Amino acid sequence: MLSFTRLRAQFVKEVLSVLRDPRSRMVVLVPPILQLLIFAFAATLEVRNVDIAVYNQDAGRWSHELVQRLDGARFISHVRHVDSPQRLHEMIDRGEVIAALAIPVDFSRAVATGGGRAQVLVDGRRSNSGQITVAYLSAIAAEIGAGVVPNAQAPAPVVVRHWFNPNLVYRWFIVPGLTGILALFSALLITSLSIARERELGTFDQLLVSPTSTPEIIISKSLPALAIGTLLGLFMTGAGVFLFDIPFTGSFGLLLASLVLFILSVVGIGLMISAVSATQQQAILGAFAIGVPAVLMSGFATPVENMPVALQWMAQAIPLTHFLVIVEGTFLKAMPAADILANLWPLAVIALVTLTLATALVRSRLQ
């Protein structure tokens, strides 16, 4: 039988343990807020302030036009001119430039006749940034080609409209995702430290002789993480709307329900980590050992569909995978309730499984 008096007392004890412990307070409360403010500007795939090397062997009009457009491109910090292909290769080898452009001697003449090619050498060690830089350079070259071809022969232009994010503001994508990631680590750390703290301080043995039942222990350890994680998630959602001006077009009620289920599923994982950890240090290491792969496989940085089939199935067992779909869809595209529910029931299943396993682990530790 559950005793609400004991539950209330244990809940107050757990909250005070988190707030009074300097390590817990610093690990749980301060980093998520700082990380949201820092990562919102630092975590971006946009390419800016890069250096480009140019080896121009042509003295014609169109090679100079290309170089001038490179000088005026906002994503390029410096255009470095070299006088030999060897110097071109050296600059890429040393990482001084992200890409190098080699313009042949007949470039302008070939462009004037409807052709013309220039070679781009890219630093493959920075593959993502290199590919984005190549796309930018290709767009500049295409503009020059369009200026040479007569209007009658020019192909019909293709007008691109980016749905849900018309100006491609990267923070509109990154901040909602950070809301899920930072809430994940906050809830995971709070619950991972709970039982491990008791064991390290020597108070875990008192639970063995107390009248507290296993469900009461699980609930009392879960409620503080649920409350703090939900409040942090709501705070970061509000920061996205009011601080970063991200449009919120969906249902706040469905997002709140999704956030609560998401935190519950994470709490079960954290309790399992805490049950098998002897010290708080082991609990923190265990939380990061689980959390970092979960973020990498959740679809935050790379689409889940790009992964091998086995990893795609594994990703479906990660709570963050489903919550990211909900939070990003709620912010930007007013995701219908049916689509939210399609990602909500897997969160409910994961929460049920993780909390059940956590209860079994804690019960085995209390015996």
Protein backbone atom coordinates (compact mmCIF):
# COMPACT_ATOMS: atom_id res chain seq x y z
CA MET A 1 0.00 0.00 0.00
CA LEU A 2 1.19 3.50 -0.82
CA SER A 3 1.40 5.99 2.04
CA PHE A 4 0.98 9.55 0.82
CA THR A 5 2.48 10.87 4.04
CA ARG A 6 5.68 8.91 3.46
CA LEU A 7 5.64 9.85 -0.23
CA ARG A 8 5.38 13.53 0.59
CA ALA A 9 8.19 13.33 3.13
CA GLN A 10 10.47 11.47 0.73
CA PHE A 11 9.64 13.84 -2.11
CA VAL A 12 10.61 16.84 0.05
CA LYS A 13 13.79 15.03 1.11
CA GLU A 14 14.77 14.29 -2.51
CA VAL A 15 14.18 17.86 -3.64
CA LEU A 16 16.20 19.26 -0.73
CA SER A 17 18.99 16.76 -1.45
CA VAL A 18 19.26 18.05 -5.01
CA LEU A 19 19.03 21.73 -4.10
CA ARG A 20 21.35 21.60 -1.08
CA ASP A 21 24.09 19.50 -2.66
CA PRO A 22 26.44 21.93 -4.51
CA ARG A 23 27.51 19.24 -6.99
CA SER A 24 23.96 18.25 -7.85
CA ARG A 25 22.85 21.86 -8.07
CA MET A 26 25.69 22.80 -10.41
CA VAL A 27 25.39 19.70 -12.59
CA VAL A 28 21.62 19.77 -12.93
CA LEU A 29 20.51 23.41 -12.96
CA VAL A 30 23.30 25.64 -14.27
CA PRO A 31 24.65 23.77 -17.34
CA PRO A 32 21.31 23.40 -19.20
CA ILE A 33 20.65 27.15 -19.09
CA LEU A 34 24.20 28.05 -20.16
CA GLN A 35 24.24 25.36 -22.83
CA LEU A 36 20.98 26.59 -24.32
CA LEU A 37 22.34 30.14 -24.59
CA ILE A 38 25.71 29.00 -25.98
CA PHE A 39 24.67 26.13 -28.27
CA ALA A 40 21.88 28.17 -29.84
CA PHE A 41 24.59 30.26 -31.49
CA ALA A 42 27.51 27.80 -31.61
CA ALA A 43 25.77 24.61 -32.80
CA THR A 44 25.19 25.39 -36.45
CA LEU A 45 26.01 23.81 -39.80
CA GLU A 46 26.19 27.17 -41.53
CA VAL A 47 29.60 27.96 -43.02
CA ARG A 48 30.96 31.40 -42.24
CA ASN A 49 34.31 33.18 -42.01
CA VAL A 50 36.23 30.63 -44.09
CA ASP A 51 39.34 31.21 -46.19
CA ILE A 52 39.50 30.24 -49.87
CA ALA A 53 42.69 29.90 -51.95
CA VAL A 54 42.59 30.87 -55.63
CA TYR A 55 45.12 29.93 -58.32
CA ASN A 56 44.08 32.08 -61.30
CA GLN A 57 45.90 31.26 -64.53
CA ASP A 58 43.48 33.25 -66.69
CA ALA A 59 43.71 36.98 -67.38
CA GLY A 60 40.26 37.29 -68.95
CA ARG A 61 37.11 39.06 -67.84
CA TRP A 62 35.18 36.14 -66.38
CA SER A 63 37.97 34.86 -64.15
CA HIS A 64 38.30 38.36 -62.65
CA GLU A 65 34.52 38.49 -62.27
CA LEU A 66 34.58 35.18 -60.40
CA VAL A 67 37.35 36.33 -58.08
CA GLN A 68 35.55 39.60 -57.36
CA ARG A 69 32.39 37.75 -56.45
CA LEU A 70 34.38 35.53 -54.11
CA ASP A 71 35.82 38.65 -52.48
CA GLY A 72 32.31 39.96 -51.94
CA ALA A 73 30.80 36.71 -50.62
CA ARG A 74 29.70 37.05 -47.01
CA PHE A 75 30.72 33.52 -46.01
CA ILE A 76 34.34 34.05 -47.11
CA SER A 77 36.69 35.84 -44.73
CA HIS A 78 39.76 36.00 -46.99
CA VAL A 79 40.54 35.05 -50.59
CA ARG A 80 44.19 34.01 -50.71
CA HIS A 81 45.86 34.26 -54.10
CA VAL A 82 48.65 31.81 -54.92
CA ASP A 83 50.95 31.47 -57.92
CA SER A 84 51.46 27.70 -58.12
CA PRO A 85 49.45 24.51 -57.71
CA GLN A 86 51.99 23.30 -55.15
CA ARG A 87 51.19 26.26 -52.90
CA LEU A 88 47.51 25.47 -53.37
CA HIS A 89 47.99 21.94 -52.11
CA GLU A 90 50.17 23.09 -49.20
CA MET A 91 47.50 25.45 -47.91
CA ILE A 92 44.91 22.68 -47.90
CA ASP A 93 47.35 20.22 -46.29
CA ARG A 94 48.06 22.66 -43.47
CA GLY A 95 44.38 23.48 -42.96
CA GLU A 96 44.88 27.16 -43.83
CA VAL A 97 41.92 27.10 -46.25
CA ILE A 98 38.83 24.93 -46.46
CA ALA A 99 38.78 24.91 -50.27
CA ALA A 100 40.98 25.96 -53.17
CA LEU A 101 39.92 27.11 -56.63
CA ALA A 102 42.12 26.47 -59.67
CA ILE A 103 41.09 28.57 -62.70
CA PRO A 104 42.58 27.30 -66.02
CA VAL A 105 44.13 29.58 -68.65
CA ASP A 106 41.22 29.30 -71.08
CA PHE A 107 38.47 29.83 -68.50
CA SER A 108 37.14 33.17 -69.81
CA ARG A 109 37.18 32.02 -73.44
CA ALA A 110 35.34 28.83 -72.54
CA VAL A 111 32.76 30.73 -70.48
CA ALA A 112 32.12 33.10 -73.37
CA THR A 113 31.29 30.14 -75.60
CA GLY A 114 28.88 28.63 -73.08
CA GLY A 115 31.31 26.33 -71.25
CA GLY A 116 34.13 26.85 -68.80
CA ARG A 117 35.22 24.81 -65.82
CA ALA A 118 37.26 25.53 -62.72
CA GLN A 119 38.58 22.90 -60.35
CA VAL A 120 37.68 23.04 -56.67
CA LEU A 121 39.85 21.20 -54.15
CA VAL A 122 38.15 20.62 -50.79
CA ASP A 123 39.59 19.72 -47.40
CA GLY A 124 37.99 16.31 -46.85
CA ARG A 125 38.86 16.37 -43.15
CA ARG A 126 36.04 18.88 -42.74
CA SER A 127 33.60 17.04 -44.96
CA ASN A 128 30.32 18.73 -43.96
CA SER A 129 31.70 22.26 -44.07
CA GLY A 130 33.57 21.42 -47.28
CA GLN A 131 30.44 20.20 -49.06
CA ILE A 132 28.48 23.26 -47.97
CA THR A 133 31.32 25.49 -49.21
CA VAL A 134 31.26 23.72 -52.57
CA ALA A 135 27.51 24.37 -52.81
CA TYR A 136 28.12 28.08 -52.13
CA LEU A 137 30.89 28.24 -54.74
CA SER A 138 28.71 26.41 -57.27
CA ALA A 139 25.95 28.96 -56.74
CA ILE A 140 28.39 31.82 -57.42
CA ALA A 141 29.65 30.11 -60.59
CA ALA A 142 26.07 29.49 -61.73
CA GLU A 143 25.29 33.20 -61.36
CA ILE A 144 28.21 34.05 -63.64
CA GLY A 145 27.09 31.45 -66.18
CA ALA A 146 23.56 32.84 -66.11
CA GLY A 147 24.94 36.31 -66.86
CA VAL A 148 26.80 35.04 -69.92
CA VAL A 149 24.02 32.98 -71.50
CA PRO A 150 21.53 35.13 -73.48
CA ASN A 151 18.09 35.39 -71.96
CA ALA A 152 16.51 33.53 -74.85
CA GLN A 153 18.73 30.54 -74.28
CA ALA A 154 18.77 30.63 -70.49
CA PRO A 155 16.79 27.89 -68.76
CA ALA A 156 13.68 28.79 -66.84
CA PRO A 157 14.63 29.73 -63.29
CA VAL A 158 13.60 27.47 -60.44
CA VAL A 159 12.13 29.32 -57.48
CA VAL A 160 12.87 27.59 -54.18
CA ARG A 161 10.67 28.21 -51.16
CA HIS A 162 11.65 26.69 -47.84
CA TRP A 163 8.44 25.59 -46.15
CA PHE A 164 8.12 26.15 -42.37
CA ASN A 165 11.46 28.02 -42.26
CA PRO A 166 11.45 30.44 -45.22
CA ASN A 167 14.65 32.29 -44.28
CA LEU A 168 16.54 29.15 -43.19
CA VAL A 169 17.17 30.54 -39.71
CA TYR A 170 19.21 27.77 -38.19
CA ARG A 171 18.21 28.59 -34.60
CA TRP A 172 14.61 27.75 -35.50
CA PHE A 173 15.78 24.16 -35.91
CA ILE A 174 18.52 23.91 -33.29
CA VAL A 175 16.78 25.45 -30.26
CA PRO A 176 13.74 23.10 -30.19
CA GLY A 177 16.11 20.16 -30.50
CA LEU A 178 18.26 21.50 -27.67
CA THR A 179 15.14 21.65 -25.51
CA GLY A 180 14.81 17.86 -25.74
CA ILE A 181 18.53 17.16 -25.36
CA LEU A 182 19.08 19.36 -22.31
CA ALA A 183 15.90 18.12 -20.63
CA LEU A 184 17.15 14.57 -21.29
CA PHE A 185 20.47 15.13 -19.55
CA SER A 186 18.91 17.05 -16.66
CA ALA A 187 16.39 14.33 -15.83
CA LEU A 188 18.96 11.60 -16.46
CA LEU A 189 21.49 13.15 -14.07
CA ILE A 190 18.97 13.85 -11.31
CA THR A 191 17.71 10.27 -11.21
CA SER A 192 21.15 8.74 -11.78
CA LEU A 193 22.45 10.54 -8.69
CA SER A 194 19.47 9.75 -6.46
CA ILE A 195 20.11 6.18 -5.26
CA ALA A 196 23.87 6.47 -5.84
CA ARG A 197 23.93 9.45 -3.47
CA GLU A 198 22.09 7.42 -0.84
CA ARG A 199 24.55 4.57 -1.20
CA GLU A 200 27.60 6.85 -1.11
CA LEU A 201 26.39 8.73 1.99
CA GLY A 202 25.49 5.49 3.76
CA THR A 203 21.78 6.29 4.07
CA PHE A 204 20.76 3.61 1.57
CA ASP A 205 20.88 0.99 4.32
CA GLN A 206 18.20 2.90 6.19
CA LEU A 207 15.80 2.15 3.36
CA LEU A 208 16.28 -1.56 4.05
CA VAL A 209 14.87 -1.26 7.57
CA SER A 210 12.26 1.40 6.82
CA PRO A 211 8.58 0.61 6.16
CA THR A 212 8.93 2.21 2.72
CA SER A 213 7.86 -0.06 -0.14
CA THR A 214 9.66 -0.35 -3.46
CA PRO A 215 6.94 1.52 -5.41
CA GLU A 216 7.18 4.38 -2.90
CA ILE A 217 10.94 4.56 -3.39
CA ILE A 218 10.55 4.60 -7.17
CA ILE A 219 7.87 7.30 -7.06
CA SER A 220 9.78 9.45 -4.56
CA LYS A 221 12.95 9.22 -6.68
CA SER A 222 11.02 9.93 -9.89
CA LEU A 223 8.90 12.92 -8.88
CA PRO A 224 11.76 15.43 -8.29
CA ALA A 225 13.34 14.57 -11.65
CA LEU A 226 9.94 14.76 -13.32
CA ALA A 227 9.20 18.15 -11.78
CA ILE A 228 12.64 19.69 -12.38
CA GLY A 229 12.99 18.23 -15.88
CA THR A 230 9.52 19.45 -16.88
CA LEU A 231 10.18 22.93 -15.51
CA LEU A 232 13.51 23.11 -17.34
CA GLY A 233 11.86 21.93 -20.55
CA LEU A 234 9.14 24.59 -20.19
CA PHE A 235 11.76 27.24 -19.44
CA MET A 236 13.71 26.36 -22.57
CA THR A 237 10.52 26.29 -24.63
CA GLY A 238 9.71 29.77 -23.37
CA ALA A 239 13.25 30.91 -24.15
CA GLY A 240 12.85 29.67 -27.70
CA VAL A 241 9.62 31.62 -28.15
CA PHE A 242 10.40 34.85 -26.29
CA LEU A 243 14.19 35.06 -26.45
CA PHE A 244 14.93 33.61 -29.89
CA ASP A 245 11.60 34.59 -31.55
CA ILE A 246 10.92 31.09 -32.84
CA PRO A 247 7.29 30.71 -33.98
CA PHE A 248 5.24 28.35 -31.84
CA THR A 249 2.42 27.11 -34.05
CA GLY A 250 1.26 23.88 -32.40
CA SER A 251 -0.64 22.78 -29.30
CA PHE A 252 0.98 23.66 -25.98
CA GLY A 253 -1.14 21.06 -24.14
CA LEU A 254 0.05 18.21 -26.37
CA LEU A 255 3.64 19.41 -26.09
CA LEU A 256 3.36 19.46 -22.28
CA ALA A 257 1.92 15.93 -22.23
CA SER A 258 4.72 14.78 -24.54
CA LEU A 259 7.32 16.45 -22.32
CA VAL A 260 5.98 14.71 -19.20
CA LEU A 261 5.98 11.29 -20.89
CA PHE A 262 9.45 11.95 -22.28
CA ILE A 263 10.82 12.85 -18.83
CA LEU A 264 9.14 9.77 -17.32
CA SER A 265 10.82 7.49 -19.85
CA VAL A 266 14.19 9.12 -19.12
CA VAL A 267 13.59 8.80 -15.36
CA GLY A 268 13.28 5.02 -15.72
CA ILE A 269 16.63 4.86 -17.50
CA GLY A 270 18.23 7.08 -14.87
CA LEU A 271 16.93 4.95 -12.02
CA MET A 272 18.40 1.84 -13.62
CA ILE A 273 21.78 3.59 -13.87
CA SER A 274 21.53 4.73 -10.26
CA ALA A 275 20.57 1.27 -9.01
CA VAL A 276 23.73 -0.32 -10.42
CA SER A 277 26.08 2.56 -9.48
CA ALA A 278 28.04 2.47 -6.24
CA THR A 279 29.10 6.14 -6.29
CA GLN A 280 27.86 9.41 -7.72
CA GLN A 281 30.88 9.51 -10.04
CA GLN A 282 29.87 6.18 -11.54
CA ALA A 283 26.31 7.47 -11.92
CA ILE A 284 27.45 10.58 -13.79
CA LEU A 285 29.69 8.52 -16.09
CA GLY A 286 26.84 6.07 -16.68
CA ALA A 287 24.44 8.91 -17.53
CA PHE A 288 26.80 10.30 -20.14
CA ALA A 289 27.58 6.82 -21.47
CA ILE A 290 23.86 6.41 -22.19
CA GLY A 291 23.01 10.02 -23.06
CA VAL A 292 25.65 10.76 -25.70
CA PRO A 293 24.83 7.75 -27.94
CA ALA A 294 21.14 8.52 -27.47
CA VAL A 295 21.66 12.04 -28.83
CA LEU A 296 23.77 10.83 -31.76
CA MET A 297 21.18 8.21 -32.77
CA SER A 298 18.09 10.33 -32.12
CA GLY A 299 18.13 12.16 -35.44
CA PHE A 300 19.22 15.48 -33.96
CA ALA A 301 22.28 15.88 -36.19
CA THR A 302 21.70 13.26 -38.89
CA PRO A 303 18.42 11.74 -40.09
CA VAL A 304 17.51 8.37 -38.62
CA GLU A 305 16.59 7.22 -42.15
CA ASN A 306 20.26 7.50 -43.15
CA MET A 307 21.33 4.89 -40.60
CA PRO A 308 21.54 1.13 -41.17
CA VAL A 309 18.26 -0.69 -40.59
CA ALA A 310 19.48 -2.27 -37.33
CA LEU A 311 20.36 1.15 -35.92
CA GLN A 312 17.03 2.56 -37.09
CA TRP A 313 15.25 -0.05 -34.99
CA MET A 314 17.49 0.77 -32.03
CA ALA A 315 16.72 4.47 -32.48
CA GLN A 316 13.01 3.75 -32.03
CA ALA A 317 13.77 2.62 -28.47
CA ILE A 318 15.34 6.01 -27.63
CA PRO A 319 12.86 8.46 -26.08
CA LEU A 320 14.61 11.47 -27.61
CA THR A 321 13.95 10.16 -31.14
CA HIS A 322 10.20 10.54 -30.71
CA PHE A 323 10.28 13.72 -28.63
CA LEU A 324 12.41 15.57 -31.20
CA VAL A 325 9.77 14.88 -33.85
CA ILE A 326 7.09 16.27 -31.55
CA VAL A 327 8.90 19.37 -30.30
CA GLU A 328 10.26 20.41 -33.71
CA GLY A 329 6.90 19.79 -35.38
CA THR A 330 5.03 21.66 -32.65
CA PHE A 331 7.26 24.70 -32.97
CA LEU A 332 7.43 25.12 -36.72
CA LYS A 333 4.66 23.31 -38.57
CA ALA A 334 1.63 23.01 -36.25
CA MET A 335 1.87 19.22 -36.25
CA PRO A 336 -1.60 17.65 -36.23
CA ALA A 337 -2.74 15.84 -33.10
CA ALA A 338 -2.79 12.50 -34.94
CA ASP A 339 0.90 12.84 -35.85
CA ILE A 340 1.79 13.80 -32.28
CA LEU A 341 -0.11 10.80 -30.91
CA ALA A 342 1.75 8.55 -33.36
CA ASN A 343 4.98 9.55 -31.59
CA LEU A 344 3.38 9.81 -28.15
CA TRP A 345 2.40 6.17 -27.69
CA PRO A 346 6.00 4.92 -28.22
CA LEU A 347 7.05 7.32 -25.42
CA ALA A 348 4.36 5.79 -23.18
CA VAL A 349 5.59 2.26 -23.99
CA ILE A 350 9.22 3.22 -23.34
CA ALA A 351 8.26 4.89 -20.03
CA LEU A 352 6.32 1.78 -18.94
CA VAL A 353 9.20 -0.55 -19.81
CA THR A 354 11.96 1.56 -18.25
CA LEU A 355 10.05 2.23 -15.03
CA THR A 356 9.17 -1.47 -14.71
CA LEU A 357 12.79 -2.50 -15.16
CA ALA A 358 13.90 0.20 -12.73
CA THR A 359 11.45 -1.11 -10.12
CA ALA A 360 12.80 -4.64 -10.55
CA LEU A 361 16.42 -3.45 -10.22
CA VAL A 362 15.72 -1.35 -7.13
CA ARG A 363 13.79 -4.24 -5.53
CA SER A 364 16.75 -6.56 -6.14
CA ARG A 365 19.05 -4.04 -4.48
CA LEU A 366 16.80 -3.73 -1.44
CA GLN A 367 16.72 -7.48 -0.81
